[in-house]
Amino acid sequence: MGKVTDSLLSGVTGKVGNLVLYKQKGKTFIKQKASRSAEYKPSKLQLYSNRAFVEVQQFLLPIESQLAIGFQTLTSGGKRGIHLAMSWALKHAVENVEGKPKLYPEKVKVSEGDLDISAGLKLIQKTENSFLISWIAEEIGRARHSDFCRVLVYNPDHKRFQSFDEGVYRKRGSLEFTLDSYMSLTGAYVYLSFYRLRKNKSRIFSDSICMGRIG
């Protein structure tokens, strides 16, 4: 910064080329205009992380309401179910394939908790749009016959889902469900979990398990 002594410039203020002239306490000063810093270029790792974030977010956003249910006992400090599901997916459901992030839907969690999943799980297609999931009804670990079963069918290509939570107990050993006509089978994934109701009606869940893709 310099003080202007030349009378020709003493009354001038504003920008002149890459110079800035301004007055302060009746005196005219001149300084060089700050140059723009070099354009920010993210690193390859940052680009990869950003792409992975977007891919996971786009996959999970359509089922945000279902994630709020499946992660309800774990939300705190402003975190929502979708935040927890995204965090898990970014760490465990995304792999680097030739420098690009690839999301594996079968590794995604739609619920999380410490209840046990029953053994012997099977998914059977009965008719064109009806299915049966069966399991071994045993009380092992934290599994109880009074636990409920919950199924979420999600088609990420069409961004549609259908859930089945009709009071089917673990002790029954099976759950049948029929998909509505708006659900496209091609590319739809089936997620299953068990949960227990607390006295305040909140739910304690098991980790979900993907039964595979149908259609």
Protein backbone atom coordinates (compact mmCIF):
# COMPACT_ATOMS: atom_id res chain seq x y z
CA MET A 1 0.00 0.00 0.00
CA GLY A 2 1.31 3.48 -0.87
CA LYS A 3 0.22 7.08 -0.42
CA VAL A 4 -0.50 9.13 -3.56
CA THR A 5 1.48 12.39 -3.75
CA ASP A 6 0.85 13.21 -7.41
CA SER A 7 -1.91 15.84 -7.56
CA LEU A 8 -3.28 14.29 -10.76
CA LEU A 9 -4.34 11.16 -8.84
CA SER A 10 -5.16 12.69 -5.48
CA GLY A 11 -8.86 13.03 -6.34
CA VAL A 12 -9.24 9.66 -8.00
CA THR A 13 -10.79 6.64 -6.28
CA GLY A 14 -11.79 3.22 -7.51
CA LYS A 15 -10.08 0.59 -9.67
CA VAL A 16 -7.48 1.39 -12.29
CA GLY A 17 -6.22 -1.75 -13.96
CA ASN A 18 -4.89 -3.98 -11.21
CA LEU A 19 -4.65 -1.02 -8.81
CA VAL A 20 -7.20 0.18 -6.26
CA LEU A 21 -7.27 3.84 -5.18
CA TYR A 22 -9.20 4.90 -2.09
CA LYS A 23 -9.38 7.80 0.35
CA GLN A 24 -8.82 7.64 4.06
CA LYS A 25 -8.75 10.68 6.36
CA GLY A 26 -8.53 13.01 3.40
CA LYS A 27 -5.54 11.26 1.87
CA THR A 28 -5.50 9.07 -1.23
CA PHE A 29 -3.89 5.65 -1.03
CA ILE A 30 -3.11 3.07 -3.68
CA LYS A 31 -2.75 -0.70 -3.45
CA GLN A 32 -2.55 -3.61 -5.80
CA LYS A 33 -5.77 -5.56 -6.30
CA ALA A 34 -5.55 -8.99 -4.75
CA SER A 35 -5.10 -11.62 -7.41
CA ARG A 36 -7.31 -14.68 -7.42
CA SER A 37 -5.73 -17.76 -6.02
CA ALA A 38 -5.23 -20.68 -8.34
CA GLU A 39 -8.44 -22.55 -9.11
CA TYR A 40 -9.10 -25.29 -6.57
CA LYS A 41 -8.64 -28.77 -7.97
CA PRO A 42 -9.80 -31.67 -5.81
CA SER A 43 -7.53 -34.67 -5.53
CA LYS A 44 -8.39 -38.06 -7.01
CA LEU A 45 -9.25 -39.32 -3.52
CA GLN A 46 -11.59 -36.37 -2.94
CA LEU A 47 -13.28 -36.94 -6.31
CA TYR A 48 -13.72 -40.63 -5.50
CA SER A 49 -15.14 -39.86 -2.05
CA ASN A 50 -17.58 -37.30 -3.49
CA ARG A 51 -18.80 -39.75 -6.13
CA ALA A 52 -19.22 -42.51 -3.54
CA PHE A 53 -21.21 -40.16 -1.31
CA VAL A 54 -23.54 -39.18 -4.16
CA GLU A 55 -24.08 -42.79 -5.24
CA VAL A 56 -24.94 -43.94 -1.72
CA GLN A 57 -27.18 -40.94 -1.10
CA GLN A 58 -29.12 -41.48 -4.32
CA PHE A 59 -29.65 -45.13 -3.44
CA LEU A 60 -30.88 -44.51 0.11
CA LEU A 61 -32.91 -41.29 -0.19
CA PRO A 62 -36.06 -43.00 -1.57
CA ILE A 63 -36.24 -45.20 1.56
CA GLU A 64 -35.38 -42.48 4.08
CA SER A 65 -38.66 -43.05 5.96
CA GLN A 66 -37.83 -46.75 6.33
CA LEU A 67 -34.33 -46.02 7.59
CA ALA A 68 -35.84 -43.76 10.24
CA ILE A 69 -37.65 -46.84 11.56
CA GLY A 70 -34.76 -49.29 11.25
CA PHE A 71 -32.23 -47.03 13.01
CA GLN A 72 -34.60 -45.29 15.43
CA THR A 73 -32.94 -46.42 18.68
CA LEU A 74 -29.50 -45.28 17.46
CA THR A 75 -30.31 -41.74 16.40
CA SER A 76 -28.93 -39.01 18.64
CA GLY A 77 -27.23 -35.64 18.39
CA GLY A 78 -29.09 -34.65 15.25
CA LYS A 79 -28.18 -37.82 13.36
CA ARG A 80 -31.01 -39.45 11.45
CA GLY A 81 -31.48 -42.95 10.20
CA ILE A 82 -30.30 -42.06 6.72
CA HIS A 83 -27.07 -40.62 8.13
CA LEU A 84 -26.31 -43.88 9.94
CA ALA A 85 -27.24 -45.99 6.93
CA MET A 86 -25.04 -43.86 4.65
CA SER A 87 -22.11 -44.09 7.05
CA TRP A 88 -22.38 -47.88 7.08
CA ALA A 89 -22.77 -48.14 3.31
CA LEU A 90 -19.79 -45.90 2.58
CA LYS A 91 -17.59 -48.10 4.78
CA HIS A 92 -18.94 -51.55 3.96
CA ALA A 93 -21.09 -51.50 0.80
CA VAL A 94 -18.90 -49.50 -1.61
CA GLU A 95 -15.83 -50.85 -3.36
CA ASN A 96 -13.28 -49.23 -5.64
CA VAL A 97 -13.67 -50.75 -9.10
CA GLU A 98 -11.08 -49.42 -11.52
CA GLY A 99 -10.95 -46.09 -9.72
CA LYS A 100 -14.73 -45.66 -9.52
CA PRO A 101 -16.99 -46.31 -6.51
CA LYS A 102 -19.43 -49.23 -6.94
CA LEU A 103 -22.29 -49.72 -4.50
CA TYR A 104 -23.38 -53.28 -3.69
CA PRO A 105 -27.05 -53.13 -2.54
CA GLU A 106 -26.85 -56.58 -0.94
CA LYS A 107 -24.36 -55.15 1.58
CA VAL A 108 -26.55 -52.17 2.55
CA LYS A 109 -28.21 -52.05 5.98
CA VAL A 110 -31.79 -50.86 6.38
CA SER A 111 -31.83 -51.55 10.13
CA GLU A 112 -29.24 -51.99 12.84
CA GLY A 113 -29.30 -53.50 16.30
CA ASP A 114 -28.11 -56.32 18.52
CA LEU A 115 -31.01 -58.75 18.20
CA ASP A 116 -30.04 -62.01 16.54
CA ILE A 117 -31.07 -63.00 13.03
CA SER A 118 -32.67 -66.45 12.84
CA ALA A 119 -30.78 -69.19 11.03
CA GLY A 120 -31.93 -71.09 7.95
CA LEU A 121 -33.33 -68.10 6.08
CA LYS A 122 -34.82 -68.90 2.66
CA LEU A 123 -36.63 -66.79 0.08
CA ILE A 124 -39.07 -68.66 -2.17
CA GLN A 125 -41.14 -67.22 -5.02
CA LYS A 126 -44.62 -68.76 -4.93
CA THR A 127 -46.36 -66.93 -7.76
CA GLU A 128 -45.45 -64.08 -10.06
CA ASN A 129 -45.67 -61.47 -7.31
CA SER A 130 -45.98 -63.46 -4.06
CA PHE A 131 -43.10 -64.74 -1.95
CA LEU A 132 -42.35 -66.71 1.20
CA ILE A 133 -39.47 -66.18 3.62
CA SER A 134 -38.84 -68.99 6.09
CA TRP A 135 -36.41 -69.45 8.98
CA ILE A 136 -35.67 -71.75 11.91
CA ALA A 137 -37.78 -70.57 14.86
CA GLU A 138 -35.35 -70.88 17.77
CA GLU A 139 -34.56 -68.79 20.83
CA ILE A 140 -30.80 -68.49 20.52
CA GLY A 141 -28.76 -65.55 21.81
CA ARG A 142 -31.03 -62.52 21.98
CA ALA A 143 -33.65 -64.08 19.72
CA ARG A 144 -37.10 -64.53 21.28
CA HIS A 145 -40.23 -66.17 19.89
CA SER A 146 -42.11 -62.95 20.68
CA ASP A 147 -39.93 -60.88 18.31
CA PHE A 148 -41.55 -59.60 15.14
CA CYS A 149 -40.37 -59.98 11.55
CA ARG A 150 -40.15 -57.08 9.11
CA VAL A 151 -39.54 -57.15 5.35
CA LEU A 152 -38.63 -54.28 3.06
CA VAL A 153 -38.70 -54.74 -0.72
CA TYR A 154 -36.91 -51.93 -2.54
CA ASN A 155 -36.44 -51.29 -6.25
CA PRO A 156 -33.73 -48.59 -6.57
CA ASP A 157 -34.16 -48.28 -10.33
CA HIS A 158 -37.77 -47.19 -9.94
CA LYS A 159 -37.25 -45.61 -6.48
CA ARG A 160 -40.20 -47.56 -5.06
CA PHE A 161 -40.51 -49.72 -1.99
CA GLN A 162 -43.04 -51.77 -0.07
CA SER A 163 -42.74 -52.87 3.54
CA PHE A 164 -44.42 -55.75 5.36
CA ASP A 165 -44.82 -55.43 9.10
CA GLU A 166 -48.06 -57.12 10.03
CA GLY A 167 -47.30 -58.59 13.43
CA VAL A 168 -45.67 -61.83 12.27
CA TYR A 169 -43.86 -63.38 15.21
CA ARG A 170 -40.46 -65.02 14.96
CA LYS A 171 -41.95 -68.21 16.40
CA ARG A 172 -44.09 -68.66 13.27
CA GLY A 173 -41.00 -69.45 11.22
CA SER A 174 -42.22 -67.84 8.00
CA LEU A 175 -43.70 -64.73 6.44
CA GLU A 176 -45.61 -64.52 3.18
CA PHE A 177 -45.99 -61.30 1.22
CA THR A 178 -47.51 -60.16 -2.06
CA LEU A 179 -46.16 -57.17 -3.97
CA ASP A 180 -48.52 -54.51 -5.26
CA SER A 181 -48.83 -53.86 -8.97
CA TYR A 182 -46.79 -50.63 -8.74
CA MET A 183 -43.73 -52.62 -7.66
CA SER A 184 -41.50 -53.78 -10.50
CA LEU A 185 -39.84 -57.08 -9.68
CA THR A 186 -36.85 -56.59 -11.96
CA GLY A 187 -33.99 -55.24 -9.86
CA ALA A 188 -35.86 -55.26 -6.53
CA TYR A 189 -34.01 -56.25 -3.35
CA VAL A 190 -35.53 -57.96 -0.30
CA TYR A 191 -34.30 -56.98 3.17
CA LEU A 192 -35.36 -58.78 6.34
CA SER A 193 -34.92 -57.94 10.01
CA PHE A 194 -36.40 -58.82 13.40
CA TYR A 195 -37.44 -56.36 16.06
CA ARG A 196 -38.80 -56.18 19.59
CA LEU A 197 -41.23 -53.63 20.98
CA ARG A 198 -40.31 -51.74 24.13
CA LYS A 199 -42.87 -50.56 26.66
CA ASN A 200 -42.80 -47.11 25.08
CA LYS A 201 -43.54 -48.71 21.67
CA SER A 202 -40.08 -47.95 20.29
CA ARG A 203 -38.32 -50.82 18.53
CA ILE A 204 -35.08 -52.68 19.10
CA PHE A 205 -33.89 -54.17 15.81
CA SER A 206 -31.51 -56.77 14.51
CA ASP A 207 -29.13 -55.91 11.72
CA SER A 208 -30.98 -56.33 8.46
CA ILE A 209 -29.97 -59.00 6.00
CA CYS A 210 -30.46 -58.85 2.24
CA MET A 211 -32.24 -61.96 0.98
CA GLY A 212 -31.19 -61.19 -2.57
CA ARG A 213 -32.57 -59.61 -5.70
CA ILE A 214 -35.81 -60.78 -7.25
CA GLY A 215 -36.89 -60.57 -10.87
